[in-house]
Each structure stands twice: as structure tokens, then as C-alpha cells.
Amino acid sequence: MKIRAIMVPLSLCALFVFSPVRADAPPPAPPAQPRAIAAFADDKPYCLEWTDGCTVCKRLADGAAGCSTVGAACVQTAPLCTKQKTAP
């Protein structure tokens, strides 16, 4: 029983010491700025909504792009139009 009382705390200490994730590791680089994704539809007037997997943009009434902020966990992909104008 005495050995168990010693081994459990030692095992936990070893787990934290040899863990590949360290507190002093630099944070990951932030994704591209929303401005780049906002410009995606500049030459695509038919595109009403688009995304790169991190930011979602929508064409506003005045024609400008309104974009969300970048989420904490996202996988950035090539921009893609997700909603288009329908034929009249």
C-alpha cells in the first residue's frame, strides 16, 4: 500500500514532465486576416455568401462585404461561394 501511495504521484509527475504539449510552447499563428477573404467576391457579383472555413462573409445591401471574426479553432481552406443569386 505504501508503494502505491508513492507510485501514483510519481506517475502523474512523469506524465506532466514528459508530455509533448508544453505550457511554454508558442501559440499557433492566427489565420489570414478577414480582409483577404472579404476581397474574394469582388469579381464575383453573383456570390452572396462565401467562406474560407474560418471566416464567413456576406454581401451587404450596399455591395460591401460584411465578415465574421475568425474563430478560435478553424481549418482554413480555399475560399468558396456558399450562396449565389438565383435567376430572376
PDB file of N, CA and C in Angstrom:
ATOM      1  N   MET A   1       0.831  -1.191   0.000  1.00  0.00           N
ATOM      2  CA  MET A   1       0.000   0.000   0.000  1.00  0.00           C
ATOM      3  C   MET A   1       0.876   1.256   0.000  1.00  0.00           C
ATOM      4  N   LYS A   2       1.980   1.198   0.704  1.00  0.00           N
ATOM      5  CA  LYS A   2       2.892   2.325   0.773  1.00  0.00           C
ATOM      6  C   LYS A   2       3.508   2.610  -0.594  1.00  0.00           C
ATOM      7  N   ILE A   3       3.806   1.553  -1.331  1.00  0.00           N
ATOM      8  CA  ILE A   3       4.395   1.729  -2.663  1.00  0.00           C
ATOM      9  C   ILE A   3       3.379   2.397  -3.597  1.00  0.00           C
ATOM     10  N   ARG A   4       2.133   1.989  -3.487  1.00  0.00           N
ATOM     11  CA  ARG A   4       1.084   2.580  -4.314  1.00  0.00           C
ATOM     12  C   ARG A   4       0.933   4.074  -4.022  1.00  0.00           C
ATOM     13  N   ALA A   5       1.037   4.453  -2.774  1.00  0.00           N
ATOM     14  CA  ALA A   5       0.921   5.857  -2.381  1.00  0.00           C
ATOM     15  C   ALA A   5       2.062   6.685  -2.955  1.00  0.00           C
ATOM     16  N   ILE A   6       3.176   6.073  -3.216  1.00  0.00           N
ATOM     17  CA  ILE A   6       4.326   6.782  -3.788  1.00  0.00           C
ATOM     18  C   ILE A   6       4.270   6.752  -5.318  1.00  0.00           C
ATOM     19  N   MET A   7       3.887   5.625  -5.891  1.00  0.00           N
ATOM     20  CA  MET A   7       3.916   5.455  -7.334  1.00  0.00           C
ATOM     21  C   MET A   7       2.881   6.322  -8.071  1.00  0.00           C
ATOM     22  N   VAL A   8       1.712   6.503  -7.515  1.00  0.00           N
ATOM     23  CA  VAL A   8       0.685   7.289  -8.192  1.00  0.00           C
ATOM     24  C   VAL A   8       1.130   8.740  -8.377  1.00  0.00           C
ATOM     25  N   PRO A   9       1.591   9.424  -7.335  1.00  0.00           N
ATOM     26  CA  PRO A   9       2.051  10.804  -7.549  1.00  0.00           C
ATOM     27  C   PRO A   9       3.260  10.877  -8.489  1.00  0.00           C
ATOM     28  N   LEU A  10       4.164   9.915  -8.399  1.00  0.00           N
ATOM     29  CA  LEU A  10       5.324   9.914  -9.297  1.00  0.00           C
ATOM     30  C   LEU A  10       4.896   9.704 -10.742  1.00  0.00           C
ATOM     31  N   SER A  11       3.931   8.864 -10.951  1.00  0.00           N
ATOM     32  CA  SER A  11       3.433   8.624 -12.308  1.00  0.00           C
ATOM     33  C   SER A  11       2.801   9.893 -12.879  1.00  0.00           C
ATOM     34  N   LEU A  12       2.051  10.598 -12.076  1.00  0.00           N
ATOM     35  CA  LEU A  12       1.432  11.835 -12.534  1.00  0.00           C
ATOM     36  C   LEU A  12       2.477  12.901 -12.854  1.00  0.00           C
ATOM     37  N   CYS A  13       3.504  12.964 -12.017  1.00  0.00           N
ATOM     38  CA  CYS A  13       4.586  13.926 -12.278  1.00  0.00           C
ATOM     39  C   CYS A  13       5.282  13.591 -13.589  1.00  0.00           C
ATOM     40  N   ALA A  14       5.555  12.330 -13.824  1.00  0.00           N
ATOM     41  CA  ALA A  14       6.209  11.914 -15.063  1.00  0.00           C
ATOM     42  C   ALA A  14       5.333  12.240 -16.264  1.00  0.00           C
ATOM     43  N   LEU A  15       4.048  12.082 -16.113  1.00  0.00           N
ATOM     44  CA  LEU A  15       3.125  12.382 -17.200  1.00  0.00           C
ATOM     45  C   LEU A  15       3.224  13.855 -17.607  1.00  0.00           C
ATOM     46  N   PHE A  16       3.268  14.752 -16.652  1.00  0.00           N
ATOM     47  CA  PHE A  16       3.349  16.180 -16.957  1.00  0.00           C
ATOM     48  C   PHE A  16       4.727  16.588 -17.457  1.00  0.00           C
ATOM     49  N   VAL A  17       5.775  15.988 -16.922  1.00  0.00           N
ATOM     50  CA  VAL A  17       7.131  16.347 -17.325  1.00  0.00           C
ATOM     51  C   VAL A  17       7.421  15.903 -18.750  1.00  0.00           C
ATOM     52  N   PHE A  18       6.970  14.716 -19.127  1.00  0.00           N
ATOM     53  CA  PHE A  18       7.285  14.167 -20.435  1.00  0.00           C
ATOM     54  C   PHE A  18       6.171  14.350 -21.460  1.00  0.00           C
ATOM     55  N   SER A  19       5.179  15.129 -21.129  1.00  0.00           N
ATOM     56  CA  SER A  19       4.081  15.385 -22.044  1.00  0.00           C
ATOM     57  C   SER A  19       4.587  16.200 -23.233  1.00  0.00           C
ATOM     58  N   PRO A  20       4.142  15.877 -24.476  1.00  0.00           N
ATOM     59  CA  PRO A  20       4.607  16.637 -25.636  1.00  0.00           C
ATOM     60  C   PRO A  20       4.032  18.050 -25.707  1.00  0.00           C
ATOM     61  N   VAL A  21       2.951  18.320 -25.013  1.00  0.00           N
ATOM     62  CA  VAL A  21       2.357  19.662 -25.000  1.00  0.00           C
ATOM     63  C   VAL A  21       2.908  20.406 -23.801  1.00  0.00           C
ATOM     64  N   ARG A  22       3.598  21.484 -24.086  1.00  0.00           N
ATOM     65  CA  ARG A  22       4.228  22.251 -23.015  1.00  0.00           C
ATOM     66  C   ARG A  22       3.573  23.619 -22.902  1.00  0.00           C
ATOM     67  N   ALA A  23       3.530  24.131 -21.709  1.00  0.00           N
ATOM     68  CA  ALA A  23       2.925  25.448 -21.474  1.00  0.00           C
ATOM     69  C   ALA A  23       3.758  26.559 -22.101  1.00  0.00           C
ATOM     70  N   ASP A  24       5.068  26.340 -22.271  1.00  0.00           N
ATOM     71  CA  ASP A  24       5.932  27.384 -22.818  1.00  0.00           C
ATOM     72  C   ASP A  24       6.002  27.329 -24.351  1.00  0.00           C
ATOM     73  N   ALA A  25       5.238  26.458 -24.993  1.00  0.00           N
ATOM     74  CA  ALA A  25       5.217  26.382 -26.452  1.00  0.00           C
ATOM     75  C   ALA A  25       4.519  27.620 -27.007  1.00  0.00           C
ATOM     76  N   PRO A  26       5.024  28.155 -28.128  1.00  0.00           N
ATOM     77  CA  PRO A  26       4.376  29.350 -28.693  1.00  0.00           C
ATOM     78  C   PRO A  26       2.995  29.007 -29.232  1.00  0.00           C
ATOM     79  N   PRO A  27       2.063  29.946 -29.171  1.00  0.00           N
ATOM     80  CA  PRO A  27       0.715  29.691 -29.694  1.00  0.00           C
ATOM     81  C   PRO A  27       0.768  29.580 -31.216  1.00  0.00           C
ATOM     82  N   PRO A  28      -0.193  28.899 -31.833  1.00  0.00           N
ATOM     83  CA  PRO A  28      -0.200  28.797 -33.295  1.00  0.00           C
ATOM     84  C   PRO A  28      -0.449  30.157 -33.934  1.00  0.00           C
ATOM     85  N   ALA A  29       0.025  30.307 -35.146  1.00  0.00           N
ATOM     86  CA  ALA A  29      -0.142  31.566 -35.867  1.00  0.00           C
ATOM     87  C   ALA A  29      -1.617  31.775 -36.188  1.00  0.00           C
ATOM     88  N   PRO A  30      -2.113  33.011 -36.088  1.00  0.00           N
ATOM     89  CA  PRO A  30      -3.520  33.261 -36.409  1.00  0.00           C
ATOM     90  C   PRO A  30      -3.769  33.069 -37.897  1.00  0.00           C
ATOM     91  N   PRO A  31      -4.985  32.708 -38.286  1.00  0.00           N
ATOM     92  CA  PRO A  31      -5.321  32.567 -39.707  1.00  0.00           C
ATOM     93  C   PRO A  31      -5.225  33.896 -40.440  1.00  0.00           C
ATOM     94  N   ALA A  32      -5.343  33.842 -41.737  1.00  0.00           N
ATOM     95  CA  ALA A  32      -5.259  35.048 -42.554  1.00  0.00           C
ATOM     96  C   ALA A  32      -6.300  36.073 -42.109  1.00  0.00           C
ATOM     97  N   GLN A  33      -5.989  37.323 -42.357  1.00  0.00           N
ATOM     98  CA  GLN A  33      -6.881  38.408 -41.970  1.00  0.00           C
ATOM     99  C   GLN A  33      -8.185  38.345 -42.764  1.00  0.00           C
ATOM    100  N   PRO A  34      -9.302  38.744 -42.143  1.00  0.00           N
ATOM    101  CA  PRO A  34     -10.585  38.746 -42.848  1.00  0.00           C
ATOM    102  C   PRO A  34     -10.591  39.591 -44.119  1.00  0.00           C
ATOM    103  N   ARG A  35      -9.731  40.575 -44.213  1.00  0.00           N
ATOM    104  CA  ARG A  35      -9.696  41.438 -45.392  1.00  0.00           C
ATOM    105  C   ARG A  35      -9.445  40.619 -46.665  1.00  0.00           C
ATOM    106  N   ALA A  36      -8.560  39.614 -46.605  1.00  0.00           N
ATOM    107  CA  ALA A  36      -8.267  38.793 -47.771  1.00  0.00           C
ATOM    108  C   ALA A  36      -9.503  38.007 -48.200  1.00  0.00           C
ATOM    109  N   ILE A  37     -10.211  37.454 -47.270  1.00  0.00           N
ATOM    110  CA  ILE A  37     -11.428  36.703 -47.593  1.00  0.00           C
ATOM    111  C   ILE A  37     -12.530  37.650 -48.052  1.00  0.00           C
ATOM    112  N   ALA A  38     -12.555  38.855 -47.542  1.00  0.00           N
ATOM    113  CA  ALA A  38     -13.574  39.830 -47.945  1.00  0.00           C
ATOM    114  C   ALA A  38     -13.428  40.178 -49.423  1.00  0.00           C
ATOM    115  N   ALA A  39     -12.213  40.190 -49.933  1.00  0.00           N
ATOM    116  CA  ALA A  39     -11.957  40.552 -51.330  1.00  0.00           C
ATOM    117  C   ALA A  39     -12.261  39.403 -52.291  1.00  0.00           C
ATOM    118  N   PHE A  40     -12.517  38.204 -51.788  1.00  0.00           N
ATOM    119  CA  PHE A  40     -12.760  37.041 -52.637  1.00  0.00           C
ATOM    120  C   PHE A  40     -13.873  37.296 -53.649  1.00  0.00           C
ATOM    121  N   ALA A  41     -14.964  37.897 -53.255  1.00  0.00           N
ATOM    122  CA  ALA A  41     -16.128  38.067 -54.123  1.00  0.00           C
ATOM    123  C   ALA A  41     -16.149  39.403 -54.858  1.00  0.00           C
ATOM    124  N   ASP A  42     -15.074  40.162 -54.809  1.00  0.00           N
ATOM    125  CA  ASP A  42     -15.052  41.454 -55.518  1.00  0.00           C
ATOM    126  C   ASP A  42     -15.367  41.289 -57.003  1.00  0.00           C
ATOM    127  N   ASP A  43     -14.863  40.218 -57.606  1.00  0.00           N
ATOM    128  CA  ASP A  43     -15.099  39.997 -59.034  1.00  0.00           C
ATOM    129  C   ASP A  43     -16.142  38.901 -59.290  1.00  0.00           C
ATOM    130  N   LYS A  44     -16.948  38.602 -58.265  1.00  0.00           N
ATOM    131  CA  LYS A  44     -17.996  37.589 -58.374  1.00  0.00           C
ATOM    132  C   LYS A  44     -19.323  38.185 -57.893  1.00  0.00           C
ATOM    133  N   PRO A  45     -19.972  39.014 -58.695  1.00  0.00           N
ATOM    134  CA  PRO A  45     -21.198  39.691 -58.250  1.00  0.00           C
ATOM    135  C   PRO A  45     -22.350  38.727 -57.958  1.00  0.00           C
ATOM    136  N   TYR A  46     -22.320  37.517 -58.481  1.00  0.00           N
ATOM    137  CA  TYR A  46     -23.365  36.519 -58.234  1.00  0.00           C
ATOM    138  C   TYR A  46     -23.249  35.882 -56.849  1.00  0.00           C
ATOM    139  N   CYS A  47     -22.092  35.997 -56.226  1.00  0.00           N
ATOM    140  CA  CYS A  47     -21.845  35.344 -54.933  1.00  0.00           C
ATOM    141  C   CYS A  47     -22.365  36.220 -53.791  1.00  0.00           C
ATOM    142  N   LEU A  48     -23.314  35.686 -53.000  1.00  0.00           N
ATOM    143  CA  LEU A  48     -23.905  36.435 -51.892  1.00  0.00           C
ATOM    144  C   LEU A  48     -23.259  36.108 -50.546  1.00  0.00           C
ATOM    145  N   GLU A  49     -22.787  34.867 -50.376  1.00  0.00           N
ATOM    146  CA  GLU A  49     -22.097  34.450 -49.144  1.00  0.00           C
ATOM    147  C   GLU A  49     -20.927  33.557 -49.518  1.00  0.00           C
ATOM    148  N   TRP A  50     -19.829  33.665 -48.760  1.00  0.00           N
ATOM    149  CA  TRP A  50     -18.656  32.852 -49.013  1.00  0.00           C
ATOM    150  C   TRP A  50     -17.897  32.632 -47.716  1.00  0.00           C
ATOM    151  N   THR A  51     -17.019  31.631 -47.725  1.00  0.00           N
ATOM    152  CA  THR A  51     -16.253  31.288 -46.520  1.00  0.00           C
ATOM    153  C   THR A  51     -14.923  30.668 -46.894  1.00  0.00           C
ATOM    154  N   ASP A  52     -14.000  30.719 -45.949  1.00  0.00           N
ATOM    155  CA  ASP A  52     -12.721  30.012 -46.085  1.00  0.00           C
ATOM    156  C   ASP A  52     -12.578  28.978 -44.974  1.00  0.00           C
ATOM    157  N   GLY A  53     -13.674  28.651 -44.302  1.00  0.00           N
ATOM    158  CA  GLY A  53     -13.642  27.692 -43.210  1.00  0.00           C
ATOM    159  C   GLY A  53     -13.402  28.345 -41.859  1.00  0.00           C
ATOM    160  N   CYS A  54     -12.912  29.569 -41.858  1.00  0.00           N
ATOM    161  CA  CYS A  54     -12.655  30.303 -40.611  1.00  0.00           C
ATOM    162  C   CYS A  54     -13.527  31.547 -40.501  1.00  0.00           C
ATOM    163  N   THR A  55     -13.709  32.220 -41.612  1.00  0.00           N
ATOM    164  CA  THR A  55     -14.467  33.457 -41.669  1.00  0.00           C
ATOM    165  C   THR A  55     -15.621  33.280 -42.643  1.00  0.00           C
ATOM    166  N   VAL A  56     -16.764  33.807 -42.298  1.00  0.00           N
ATOM    167  CA  VAL A  56     -17.930  33.782 -43.189  1.00  0.00           C
ATOM    168  C   VAL A  56     -18.238  35.223 -43.581  1.00  0.00           C
ATOM    169  N   CYS A  57     -18.374  35.466 -44.874  1.00  0.00           N
ATOM    170  CA  CYS A  57     -18.683  36.803 -45.366  1.00  0.00           C
ATOM    171  C   CYS A  57     -20.011  36.796 -46.104  1.00  0.00           C
ATOM    172  N   LYS A  58     -20.649  37.961 -46.108  1.00  0.00           N
ATOM    173  CA  LYS A  58     -21.958  38.129 -46.744  1.00  0.00           C
ATOM    174  C   LYS A  58     -21.955  39.475 -47.452  1.00  0.00           C
ATOM    175  N   ARG A  59     -22.550  39.504 -48.642  1.00  0.00           N
ATOM    176  CA  ARG A  59     -22.658  40.766 -49.365  1.00  0.00           C
ATOM    177  C   ARG A  59     -23.776  41.583 -48.730  1.00  0.00           C
ATOM    178  N   LEU A  60     -23.451  42.794 -48.309  1.00  0.00           N
ATOM    179  CA  LEU A  60     -24.423  43.685 -47.670  1.00  0.00           C
ATOM    180  C   LEU A  60     -25.233  44.428 -48.722  1.00  0.00           C
ATOM    181  N   ALA A  61     -26.268  45.129 -48.308  1.00  0.00           N
ATOM    182  CA  ALA A  61     -27.161  45.841 -49.228  1.00  0.00           C
ATOM    183  C   ALA A  61     -26.407  46.851 -50.094  1.00  0.00           C
ATOM    184  N   ASP A  62     -25.367  47.477 -49.538  1.00  0.00           N
ATOM    185  CA  ASP A  62     -24.603  48.460 -50.304  1.00  0.00           C
ATOM    186  C   ASP A  62     -23.526  47.826 -51.185  1.00  0.00           C
ATOM    187  N   GLY A  63     -23.447  46.493 -51.201  1.00  0.00           N
ATOM    188  CA  GLY A  63     -22.474  45.792 -52.038  1.00  0.00           C
ATOM    189  C   GLY A  63     -21.172  45.465 -51.341  1.00  0.00           C
ATOM    190  N   ALA A  64     -20.934  46.054 -50.186  1.00  0.00           N
ATOM    191  CA  ALA A  64     -19.712  45.781 -49.437  1.00  0.00           C
ATOM    192  C   ALA A  64     -19.808  44.403 -48.773  1.00  0.00           C
ATOM    193  N   ALA A  65     -18.680  43.888 -48.338  1.00  0.00           N
ATOM    194  CA  ALA A  65     -18.651  42.585 -47.661  1.00  0.00           C
ATOM    195  C   ALA A  65     -18.681  42.788 -46.154  1.00  0.00           C
ATOM    196  N   GLY A  66     -19.536  42.037 -45.494  1.00  0.00           N
ATOM    197  CA  GLY A  66     -19.577  42.003 -44.034  1.00  0.00           C
ATOM    198  C   GLY A  66     -19.092  40.633 -43.602  1.00  0.00           C
ATOM    199  N   CYS A  67     -18.035  40.582 -42.814  1.00  0.00           N
ATOM    200  CA  CYS A  67     -17.424  39.302 -42.453  1.00  0.00           C
ATOM    201  C   CYS A  67     -17.419  39.078 -40.949  1.00  0.00           C
ATOM    202  N   SER A  68     -17.508  37.806 -40.564  1.00  0.00           N
ATOM    203  CA  SER A  68     -17.430  37.429 -39.158  1.00  0.00           C
ATOM    204  C   SER A  68     -15.977  37.490 -38.703  1.00  0.00           C
ATOM    205  N   THR A  69     -15.772  37.423 -37.403  1.00  0.00           N
ATOM    206  CA  THR A  69     -14.418  37.351 -36.886  1.00  0.00           C
ATOM    207  C   THR A  69     -13.940  35.903 -36.952  1.00  0.00           C
ATOM    208  N   VAL A  70     -12.643  35.733 -36.963  1.00  0.00           N
ATOM    209  CA  VAL A  70     -12.042  34.406 -37.056  1.00  0.00           C
ATOM    210  C   VAL A  70     -12.271  33.657 -35.752  1.00  0.00           C
ATOM    211  N   GLY A  71     -12.731  32.418 -35.853  1.00  0.00           N
ATOM    212  CA  GLY A  71     -12.964  31.590 -34.674  1.00  0.00           C
ATOM    213  C   GLY A  71     -11.673  31.108 -34.055  1.00  0.00           C
ATOM    214  N   ALA A  72     -11.753  30.610 -32.845  1.00  0.00           N
ATOM    215  CA  ALA A  72     -10.566  30.134 -32.141  1.00  0.00           C
ATOM    216  C   ALA A  72     -10.018  28.862 -32.766  1.00  0.00           C
ATOM    217  N   ALA A  73     -10.884  27.982 -33.183  1.00  0.00           N
ATOM    218  CA  ALA A  73     -10.445  26.720 -33.785  1.00  0.00           C
ATOM    219  C   ALA A  73     -11.095  26.609 -35.151  1.00  0.00           C
ATOM    220  N   CYS A  74     -10.276  26.699 -36.189  1.00  0.00           N
ATOM    221  CA  CYS A  74     -10.809  26.587 -37.540  1.00  0.00           C
ATOM    222  C   CYS A  74      -9.758  25.949 -38.428  1.00  0.00           C
ATOM    223  N   VAL A  75     -10.206  25.439 -39.542  1.00  0.00           N
ATOM    224  CA  VAL A  75      -9.306  24.888 -40.546  1.00  0.00           C
ATOM    225  C   VAL A  75      -9.521  25.714 -41.806  1.00  0.00           C
ATOM    226  N   GLN A  76      -8.545  26.547 -42.102  1.00  0.00           N
ATOM    227  CA  GLN A  76      -8.683  27.446 -43.234  1.00  0.00           C
ATOM    228  C   GLN A  76      -8.533  26.676 -44.544  1.00  0.00           C
ATOM    229  N   THR A  77      -9.428  26.943 -45.482  1.00  0.00           N
ATOM    230  CA  THR A  77      -9.408  26.314 -46.791  1.00  0.00           C
ATOM    231  C   THR A  77      -9.447  27.402 -47.858  1.00  0.00           C
ATOM    232  N   ALA A  78      -9.441  26.992 -49.102  1.00  0.00           N
ATOM    233  CA  ALA A  78      -9.580  27.956 -50.188  1.00  0.00           C
ATOM    234  C   ALA A  78     -10.983  28.564 -50.114  1.00  0.00           C
ATOM    235  N   PRO A  79     -11.125  29.851 -50.385  1.00  0.00           N
ATOM    236  CA  PRO A  79     -12.450  30.487 -50.335  1.00  0.00           C
ATOM    237  C   PRO A  79     -13.431  29.795 -51.275  1.00  0.00           C
ATOM    238  N   LEU A  80     -14.682  29.739 -50.828  1.00  0.00           N
ATOM    239  CA  LEU A  80     -15.729  29.043 -51.556  1.00  0.00           C
ATOM    240  C   LEU A  80     -17.032  29.824 -51.443  1.00  0.00           C
ATOM    241  N   CYS A  81     -17.708  30.015 -52.568  1.00  0.00           N
ATOM    242  CA  CYS A  81     -19.010  30.683 -52.564  1.00  0.00           C
ATOM    243  C   CYS A  81     -20.051  29.680 -52.071  1.00  0.00           C
ATOM    244  N   THR A  82     -20.788  30.050 -51.028  1.00  0.00           N
ATOM    245  CA  THR A  82     -21.756  29.134 -50.439  1.00  0.00           C
ATOM    246  C   THR A  82     -23.213  29.502 -50.747  1.00  0.00           C
ATOM    247  N   LYS A  83     -23.450  30.725 -51.247  1.00  0.00           N
ATOM    248  CA  LYS A  83     -24.806  31.136 -51.598  1.00  0.00           C
ATOM    249  C   LYS A  83     -24.711  32.087 -52.788  1.00  0.00           C
ATOM    250  N   GLN A  84     -25.470  31.771 -53.844  1.00  0.00           N
ATOM    251  CA  GLN A  84     -25.433  32.584 -55.055  1.00  0.00           C
ATOM    252  C   GLN A  84     -26.800  33.169 -55.355  1.00  0.00           C
ATOM    253  N   LYS A  85     -26.797  34.241 -56.156  1.00  0.00           N
ATOM    254  CA  LYS A  85     -28.055  34.833 -56.609  1.00  0.00           C
ATOM    255  C   LYS A  85     -28.772  33.813 -57.494  1.00  0.00           C
ATOM    256  N   THR A  86     -30.082  33.783 -57.374  1.00  0.00           N
ATOM    257  CA  THR A  86     -30.866  32.930 -58.252  1.00  0.00           C
ATOM    258  C   THR A  86     -31.326  33.719 -59.460  1.00  0.00           C
ATOM    259  N   ALA A  87     -31.576  33.039 -60.535  1.00  0.00           N
ATOM    260  CA  ALA A  87     -32.023  33.711 -61.758  1.00  0.00           C
ATOM    261  C   ALA A  87     -33.414  34.309 -61.537  1.00  0.00           C
ATOM    262  N   PRO A  88     -33.660  35.521 -62.065  1.00  0.00           N
ATOM    263  CA  PRO A  88     -34.968  36.156 -61.864  1.00  0.00           C
ATOM    264  C   PRO A  88     -36.075  35.451 -62.617  1.00  0.00           C
TER     265      PRO A  88
END
